[in-house]
């Protein structure tokens, strides 16, 4: 029941944001370069030096001071371009995408290289860069395609692709797209998987699953597309035809919230009942029985050498080896971990809620290198 309340709370949060109540606490978004972490945490985005955890820059949106009721809200994972621009999404009622230039700082605030404000719905899904285009799914049920090279300070979409099956439906697109180079695969809370042809922008097929898909899809080592859902099942898709089938005989113990991770022939994922799964796409079977880890798992796993790291709602991080043996890799007294940990600059970065710090950097043995308190 507690895990289901967690999911319901996340959906209610989206409804609150859509109504303009931007003071709520949401899961942070985390990404990094080899020099700096970029953390989107509620009302600000932070650039944090990887060497010592020092604040490099801070961005809190436009025209929204602390007492302003129309403050910006940043909860979506930032995306970093090849030339170093940081793409962040304002999930308040402003509905703006910003491209920030951390190389051009004014009083520790990055210059806004360009902005996009055509969308009418909430930004939740991380965008995806494919070549010189940015594909940005919005909760209005549309995917906005932006040209990253046109040099305009106020972007216009080069294409708007409606993908929602219900006109006017909100809160549909939450997962980051994935591409195989020819197609872009979109997942939706309306239980859908939709591929878009990257050349023509046409929708190639539509598959309806038995449960909502809050996470993204993943391409396995066998070339097939895999999608987890709130129907407690992992589905295997033919990316060309859309033909699909469940891969787990008994399904999962709980809802699959996060995006599975692929490593060669293996897929790794967790569920909101706290179970971890390792599935071999070549042998078409689990590598070991579902492994009870801890509290709810909403983050995607992180591969670290010969082990897989799992962040849980309890805030604890566990390491699982190839035989399915788990050990506590990093433990906390206070804090919750919902965001996927990342590896950058030789550090494992973990974002926390309800903790004394926003971000911690751990070495590869799980020892703390530094913490960032958001100041």
Protein backbone atom coordinates (compact mmCIF):
# COMPACT_ATOMS: atom_id res chain seq x y z
CA UNK A 1 0.00 0.00 0.00
CA UNK A 2 2.82 2.41 0.86
CA UNK A 3 4.39 1.98 -2.57
CA UNK A 4 1.07 2.68 -4.29
CA UNK A 5 0.67 5.82 -2.21
CA UNK A 6 4.09 6.87 -3.46
CA UNK A 7 2.96 6.63 -7.07
CA UNK A 8 -0.36 8.33 -6.38
CA UNK A 9 1.53 11.16 -4.66
CA UNK A 10 3.68 11.64 -7.76
CA UNK A 11 0.61 11.87 -9.98
CA UNK A 12 -1.06 14.29 -7.58
CA UNK A 13 2.12 16.38 -7.67
CA UNK A 14 1.75 16.74 -11.42
CA UNK A 15 -1.83 17.90 -10.94
CA UNK A 16 -0.69 20.49 -8.40
CA UNK A 17 1.95 21.80 -10.77
CA UNK A 18 -0.57 22.09 -13.57
CA UNK A 19 -2.80 24.15 -11.31
CA UNK A 20 0.06 26.57 -10.64
CA UNK A 21 1.06 25.40 -7.14
CA UNK A 22 4.82 25.37 -7.63
CA UNK A 23 5.95 25.22 -4.03
CA UNK A 24 5.77 21.43 -3.89
CA UNK A 25 8.82 19.23 -3.49
CA UNK A 26 9.45 16.93 -6.47
CA UNK A 27 12.09 14.39 -7.38
CA UNK A 28 15.32 16.08 -8.51
CA UNK A 29 16.75 15.71 -12.01
CA UNK A 30 20.47 14.91 -12.26
CA UNK A 31 23.01 14.85 -15.08
CA UNK A 32 26.71 15.63 -15.43
CA UNK A 33 29.71 16.32 -17.63
CA UNK A 34 33.22 15.14 -16.74
CA UNK A 35 33.72 18.37 -14.77
CA UNK A 36 30.39 19.36 -13.23
CA UNK A 37 27.12 17.93 -12.01
CA UNK A 38 23.87 19.63 -13.01
CA UNK A 39 21.09 19.26 -10.47
CA UNK A 40 17.50 20.40 -11.09
CA UNK A 41 16.02 20.63 -7.61
CA UNK A 42 12.63 22.31 -7.22
CA UNK A 43 13.10 26.08 -7.64
CA UNK A 44 16.65 26.13 -9.00
CA UNK A 45 19.18 24.38 -11.21
CA UNK A 46 22.69 24.08 -9.79
CA UNK A 47 26.05 23.59 -11.47
CA UNK A 48 28.32 21.78 -8.99
CA UNK A 49 32.08 21.23 -9.36
CA UNK A 50 32.87 17.51 -9.36
CA UNK A 51 36.23 17.90 -7.63
CA UNK A 52 35.01 19.42 -4.37
CA UNK A 53 31.25 19.81 -4.56
CA UNK A 54 31.38 23.59 -4.74
CA UNK A 55 28.63 25.67 -6.32
CA UNK A 56 29.71 26.99 -9.74
CA UNK A 57 26.43 28.51 -10.92
CA UNK A 58 22.76 28.72 -10.08
CA UNK A 59 19.71 29.39 -12.26
CA UNK A 60 16.24 30.03 -10.85
CA UNK A 61 14.33 31.09 -13.94
CA UNK A 62 13.11 34.48 -15.04
CA UNK A 63 10.89 36.99 -13.27
CA UNK A 64 10.19 34.84 -10.24
CA UNK A 65 11.70 36.03 -6.99
CA UNK A 66 11.35 34.13 -3.73
CA UNK A 67 8.06 35.84 -2.85
CA UNK A 68 6.67 35.55 -6.37
CA UNK A 69 3.84 33.01 -6.59
CA UNK A 70 4.87 32.23 -10.18
CA UNK A 71 8.26 30.83 -9.29
CA UNK A 72 9.97 28.44 -11.65
CA UNK A 73 9.99 24.71 -10.93
CA UNK A 74 12.79 22.45 -12.12
CA UNK A 75 12.21 18.69 -11.71
CA UNK A 76 13.19 17.31 -15.11
CA UNK A 77 16.59 15.77 -15.83
CA UNK A 78 18.76 18.39 -17.60
CA UNK A 79 20.25 17.53 -20.99
CA UNK A 80 23.73 18.69 -22.00
CA UNK A 81 24.64 19.37 -25.66
CA UNK A 82 27.98 18.58 -27.29
CA UNK A 83 28.98 22.25 -27.16
CA UNK A 84 28.21 22.48 -23.44
CA UNK A 85 24.77 24.09 -23.36
CA UNK A 86 22.55 22.85 -20.52
CA UNK A 87 18.92 22.31 -21.55
CA UNK A 88 16.58 22.75 -18.58
CA UNK A 89 12.80 22.70 -18.43
CA UNK A 90 10.63 24.94 -16.29
CA UNK A 91 7.76 22.77 -15.05
CA UNK A 92 5.82 25.67 -13.59
CA UNK A 93 2.95 27.34 -15.45
CA UNK A 94 5.58 29.18 -17.52
CA UNK A 95 6.20 26.01 -19.61
CA UNK A 96 9.61 27.22 -20.86
CA UNK A 97 12.68 25.31 -22.05
CA UNK A 98 15.95 27.18 -21.48
CA UNK A 99 19.34 26.58 -23.08
CA UNK A 100 21.89 27.82 -20.54
CA UNK A 101 25.54 28.58 -21.27
CA UNK A 102 27.66 27.79 -18.17
CA UNK A 103 30.72 29.22 -19.97
CA UNK A 104 29.06 32.64 -19.96
CA UNK A 105 28.33 33.57 -16.34
CA UNK A 106 27.06 36.85 -14.94
CA UNK A 107 27.25 36.89 -11.15
CA UNK A 108 27.27 33.08 -11.17
CA UNK A 109 24.13 32.94 -13.33
CA UNK A 110 24.52 31.33 -16.78
CA UNK A 111 23.46 33.31 -19.83
CA UNK A 112 20.28 32.16 -21.56
CA UNK A 113 21.37 31.17 -25.07
CA UNK A 114 17.82 30.52 -26.23
CA UNK A 115 14.36 29.70 -24.90
CA UNK A 116 11.27 27.88 -26.17
CA UNK A 117 7.79 28.67 -24.87
CA UNK A 118 5.26 27.29 -27.38
CA UNK A 119 4.14 24.27 -25.35
CA UNK A 120 1.01 24.52 -23.21
CA UNK A 121 1.48 21.51 -20.94
CA UNK A 122 3.79 20.47 -18.14
CA UNK A 123 7.40 19.49 -18.78
CA UNK A 124 8.13 16.20 -16.99
CA UNK A 125 9.86 13.94 -19.53
CA UNK A 126 13.57 14.56 -20.18
CA UNK A 127 14.24 15.57 -23.76
CA UNK A 128 16.57 13.70 -26.13
CA UNK A 129 19.20 15.08 -28.50
CA UNK A 130 19.42 13.32 -31.87
CA UNK A 131 22.03 14.95 -34.09
CA UNK A 132 21.21 18.65 -34.30
CA UNK A 133 17.62 18.23 -33.10
CA UNK A 134 16.05 18.22 -29.66
CA UNK A 135 12.99 15.99 -29.17
CA UNK A 136 10.97 17.22 -26.19
CA UNK A 137 7.84 15.30 -25.07
CA UNK A 138 5.31 17.47 -23.23
CA UNK A 139 2.42 16.49 -20.98
CA UNK A 140 0.03 17.99 -23.54
CA UNK A 141 0.51 14.77 -25.51
CA UNK A 142 2.82 16.30 -28.14
CA UNK A 143 6.50 15.95 -28.99
CA UNK A 144 8.19 19.24 -29.87
CA UNK A 145 11.14 19.06 -32.25
CA UNK A 146 13.65 21.93 -32.02
CA UNK A 147 16.62 22.74 -34.25
CA UNK A 148 19.64 23.21 -31.99
CA UNK A 149 21.64 24.94 -34.72
CA UNK A 150 19.33 27.70 -35.96
CA UNK A 151 20.82 30.37 -33.67
CA UNK A 152 17.48 31.91 -32.70
CA UNK A 153 17.15 33.26 -29.16
CA UNK A 154 13.39 32.50 -29.14
CA UNK A 155 12.96 29.02 -30.59
CA UNK A 156 10.12 27.88 -32.78
CA UNK A 157 9.41 24.20 -33.19
CA UNK A 158 10.35 22.77 -36.56
CA UNK A 159 7.73 20.11 -35.96
CA UNK A 160 4.98 19.38 -33.42
CA UNK A 161 3.98 15.71 -33.31
CA UNK A 162 0.71 14.81 -31.52
CA UNK A 163 1.09 11.33 -30.02
CA UNK A 164 -1.55 11.14 -27.27
CA UNK A 165 -4.55 8.97 -28.07
CA UNK A 166 -6.85 11.20 -26.03
CA UNK A 167 -7.29 14.75 -27.24
CA UNK A 168 -6.77 17.33 -24.53
CA UNK A 169 -5.38 14.76 -22.08
CA UNK A 170 -2.76 16.05 -19.64
CA UNK A 171 0.12 14.32 -17.85
CA UNK A 172 0.69 11.77 -20.59
CA UNK A 173 4.37 11.86 -21.48
CA UNK A 174 6.79 11.34 -18.59
CA UNK A 175 9.53 9.05 -19.94
CA UNK A 176 12.61 10.07 -21.90
CA UNK A 177 12.52 8.92 -25.54
CA UNK A 178 15.03 6.45 -26.90
CA UNK A 179 16.23 6.03 -30.48
CA UNK A 180 17.70 3.25 -32.60
CA UNK A 181 18.95 5.75 -35.18
CA UNK A 182 15.93 5.40 -37.44
CA UNK A 183 13.02 5.67 -35.01
CA UNK A 184 12.27 7.58 -31.84
CA UNK A 185 10.28 5.59 -29.27
CA UNK A 186 7.83 7.44 -27.00
CA UNK A 187 6.13 5.95 -23.93
CA UNK A 188 3.00 7.32 -22.33
CA UNK A 189 0.83 7.15 -19.24
CA UNK A 190 -2.07 6.32 -21.57
CA UNK A 191 -0.50 2.81 -21.75
CA UNK A 192 1.04 3.49 -25.16
CA UNK A 193 4.31 2.92 -26.99
CA UNK A 194 4.67 5.05 -30.13
CA UNK A 195 7.58 5.09 -32.62
CA UNK A 196 8.24 8.20 -34.72
CA UNK A 197 10.18 8.03 -37.97
CA UNK A 198 13.16 10.39 -37.55
CA UNK A 199 13.19 11.32 -41.23
CA UNK A 200 9.48 11.94 -41.89
CA UNK A 201 8.15 12.48 -38.32
CA UNK A 202 5.39 9.98 -39.12
CA UNK A 203 4.00 7.71 -36.40
CA UNK A 204 4.82 4.19 -37.56
CA UNK A 205 2.61 2.11 -35.27
CA UNK A 206 0.84 2.29 -31.93
CA UNK A 207 0.87 -0.38 -29.23
CA UNK A 208 -1.46 -0.39 -26.25
CA UNK A 209 -0.12 -2.03 -23.08
CA UNK A 210 -2.12 -3.10 -20.06
CA UNK A 211 -0.72 -0.40 -17.78
CA UNK A 212 0.62 3.14 -17.75
CA UNK A 213 4.27 3.63 -18.69
CA UNK A 214 5.86 6.36 -16.55
CA UNK A 215 9.43 5.41 -17.54
CA UNK A 216 11.14 5.10 -20.90
CA UNK A 217 11.89 2.18 -23.18
CA UNK A 218 15.29 0.52 -23.67
CA UNK A 219 16.88 -1.26 -26.62
CA UNK A 220 18.25 -4.66 -25.66
CA UNK A 221 21.37 -6.36 -26.95
CA UNK A 222 19.14 -8.45 -29.22
CA UNK A 223 17.90 -5.31 -31.02
CA UNK A 224 14.43 -5.58 -29.50
CA UNK A 225 12.66 -2.85 -27.54
CA UNK A 226 11.79 -3.48 -23.88
CA UNK A 227 9.20 -1.55 -21.86
CA UNK A 228 8.09 -1.92 -18.25
CA UNK A 229 4.73 -0.67 -17.01
CA UNK A 230 2.31 -0.44 -14.11
CA UNK A 231 0.79 -3.68 -15.43
CA UNK A 232 3.64 -5.46 -13.55
CA UNK A 233 5.23 -6.78 -16.71
CA UNK A 234 8.20 -6.28 -19.00
CA UNK A 235 7.18 -6.32 -22.67
CA UNK A 236 9.42 -7.15 -25.64
CA UNK A 237 8.68 -5.25 -28.88
CA UNK A 238 9.76 -5.71 -32.45
CA UNK A 239 10.81 -2.09 -33.12
CA UNK A 240 9.82 -2.33 -36.79
CA UNK A 241 6.38 -3.90 -36.57
CA UNK A 242 5.31 -3.13 -33.00
CA UNK A 243 4.47 -6.78 -32.32
CA UNK A 244 5.00 -7.41 -28.64
CA UNK A 245 4.75 -10.03 -25.92
CA UNK A 246 5.35 -10.29 -22.15
CA UNK A 247 8.71 -11.78 -21.18
CA UNK A 248 8.13 -12.72 -17.52
CA UNK A 249 5.92 -15.73 -16.89
CA UNK A 250 4.67 -14.48 -13.53
CA UNK A 251 5.19 -10.77 -14.13
CA UNK A 252 6.84 -8.58 -11.50
CA UNK A 253 5.97 -8.24 -7.83
CA UNK A 254 5.08 -4.56 -8.19
CA UNK A 255 4.69 -1.76 -10.69
CA UNK A 256 7.72 -0.96 -12.86
CA UNK A 257 8.31 2.78 -12.57
CA UNK A 258 11.87 3.43 -13.80
CA UNK A 259 13.47 2.76 -17.17
CA UNK A 260 15.30 -0.61 -17.47
CA UNK A 261 19.04 -0.47 -18.17
CA UNK A 262 20.76 -2.64 -20.81
CA UNK A 263 24.27 -4.08 -20.53
CA UNK A 264 25.08 -6.51 -23.31
CA UNK A 265 22.53 -9.32 -23.14
CA UNK A 266 21.31 -8.30 -19.70
CA UNK A 267 18.53 -5.94 -18.65
CA UNK A 268 18.29 -4.59 -15.10
CA UNK A 269 15.25 -2.98 -13.48
CA UNK A 270 13.34 -2.69 -10.20
CA UNK A 271 9.78 -2.32 -9.01
CA UNK A 272 7.95 -0.25 -6.40
CA UNK A 273 7.72 -3.23 -4.03
CA UNK A 274 11.50 -3.15 -3.71
CA UNK A 275 12.38 -6.12 -5.94
CA UNK A 276 15.31 -6.14 -8.40
CA UNK A 277 15.36 -8.12 -11.66
CA UNK A 278 18.13 -9.26 -13.99
CA UNK A 279 16.87 -10.57 -17.34
CA UNK A 280 18.97 -12.17 -20.09
CA UNK A 281 17.64 -11.27 -23.55
CA UNK A 282 19.63 -14.00 -25.35
CA UNK A 283 18.50 -16.83 -23.08
CA UNK A 284 15.08 -15.22 -22.55
CA UNK A 285 15.00 -15.84 -18.82
CA UNK A 286 15.84 -14.24 -15.50
CA UNK A 287 19.44 -14.65 -14.38
CA UNK A 288 18.20 -15.25 -10.84
CA UNK A 289 14.93 -15.09 -8.91
CA UNK A 290 13.51 -11.61 -8.18
CA UNK A 291 15.66 -10.19 -5.41
CA UNK A 292 14.05 -8.30 -2.54
CA UNK A 293 16.31 -5.30 -1.95
CA UNK A 294 14.63 -2.75 0.33
CA UNK A 295 11.98 -0.06 -0.13
CA UNK A 296 10.45 1.06 -3.43
CA UNK A 297 12.77 1.29 -6.44
CA UNK A 298 11.78 4.14 -8.77
CA UNK A 299 15.26 4.96 -10.11
CA UNK A 300 17.00 3.10 -12.89
CA UNK A 301 19.97 0.94 -11.83
CA UNK A 302 23.56 2.08 -12.37
CA UNK A 303 26.20 -0.31 -13.73
CA UNK A 304 29.50 0.08 -11.87
CA UNK A 305 32.18 -2.34 -12.99
CA UNK A 306 31.10 -5.89 -12.21
CA UNK A 307 28.16 -4.86 -10.04
CA UNK A 308 24.87 -3.03 -10.35
CA UNK A 309 23.93 -0.25 -7.92
CA UNK A 310 20.31 0.13 -6.81
CA UNK A 311 18.97 3.28 -5.14
CA UNK A 312 15.90 2.80 -2.96
CA UNK A 313 13.25 4.96 -1.35
CA UNK A 314 14.95 4.36 2.00
CA UNK A 315 17.96 6.29 0.71
CA UNK A 316 20.20 3.23 0.92
CA UNK A 317 22.25 2.13 -2.09
CA UNK A 318 22.78 -1.59 -2.68
CA UNK A 319 25.25 -3.43 -4.89
CA UNK A 320 24.17 -6.62 -6.67
CA UNK A 321 26.63 -9.01 -8.32
CA UNK A 322 26.11 -11.34 -11.30
CA UNK A 323 24.98 -14.19 -9.03
CA UNK A 324 22.23 -12.11 -7.43
CA UNK A 325 23.97 -11.46 -4.12
CA UNK A 326 23.26 -8.01 -2.69
CA UNK A 327 25.16 -5.97 -0.11
CA UNK A 328 24.57 -2.55 1.38
CA UNK A 329 26.94 -0.33 -0.61
CA UNK A 330 26.06 3.02 1.01
CA UNK A 331 23.68 3.57 3.91
CA UNK A 332 21.98 6.72 5.18
CA UNK A 333 20.29 7.74 8.41
CA UNK A 334 18.08 10.30 6.69
CA UNK A 335 17.02 10.89 3.09
CA UNK A 336 15.14 9.31 0.19
CA UNK A 337 16.56 8.38 -3.21
CA UNK A 338 14.14 8.43 -6.14
CA UNK A 339 16.48 9.82 -8.81
CA UNK A 340 18.76 7.56 -10.86
CA UNK A 341 22.40 7.77 -9.66
CA UNK A 342 24.98 8.62 -12.30
CA UNK A 343 28.71 8.00 -12.75
CA UNK A 344 30.81 11.06 -13.65
CA UNK A 345 34.44 12.00 -13.12
CA UNK A 346 35.09 8.76 -11.25
CA UNK A 347 32.33 9.58 -8.73
CA UNK A 348 28.90 8.08 -8.17
CA UNK A 349 26.47 10.97 -7.75
CA UNK A 350 23.25 10.49 -5.79
CA UNK A 351 20.53 13.13 -5.34
CA UNK A 352 18.51 13.01 -2.13
CA UNK A 353 15.26 14.34 -0.76
CA UNK A 354 14.55 14.94 2.95
CA UNK A 355 18.28 14.94 3.65
CA UNK A 356 20.78 17.46 5.03
CA UNK A 357 22.22 17.74 1.53
CA UNK A 358 20.91 17.76 -2.04
CA UNK A 359 23.72 15.76 -3.61
CA UNK A 360 26.49 13.41 -2.52
CA UNK A 361 29.54 12.16 -4.42
CA UNK A 362 30.76 8.68 -3.55
CA UNK A 363 33.94 6.93 -4.62
CA UNK A 364 33.76 3.49 -6.23
CA UNK A 365 33.89 1.83 -2.82
CA UNK A 366 30.86 3.77 -1.54
CA UNK A 367 32.80 6.27 0.58
CA UNK A 368 31.69 9.90 0.71
CA UNK A 369 33.92 12.34 -1.19
CA UNK A 370 31.76 15.44 -0.68
CA UNK A 371 28.21 16.65 -0.21
CA UNK A 372 26.38 19.62 -1.70
CA UNK A 373 23.81 21.32 0.50
CA UNK A 374 22.28 23.56 -2.17
CA UNK A 375 23.60 26.85 -0.81
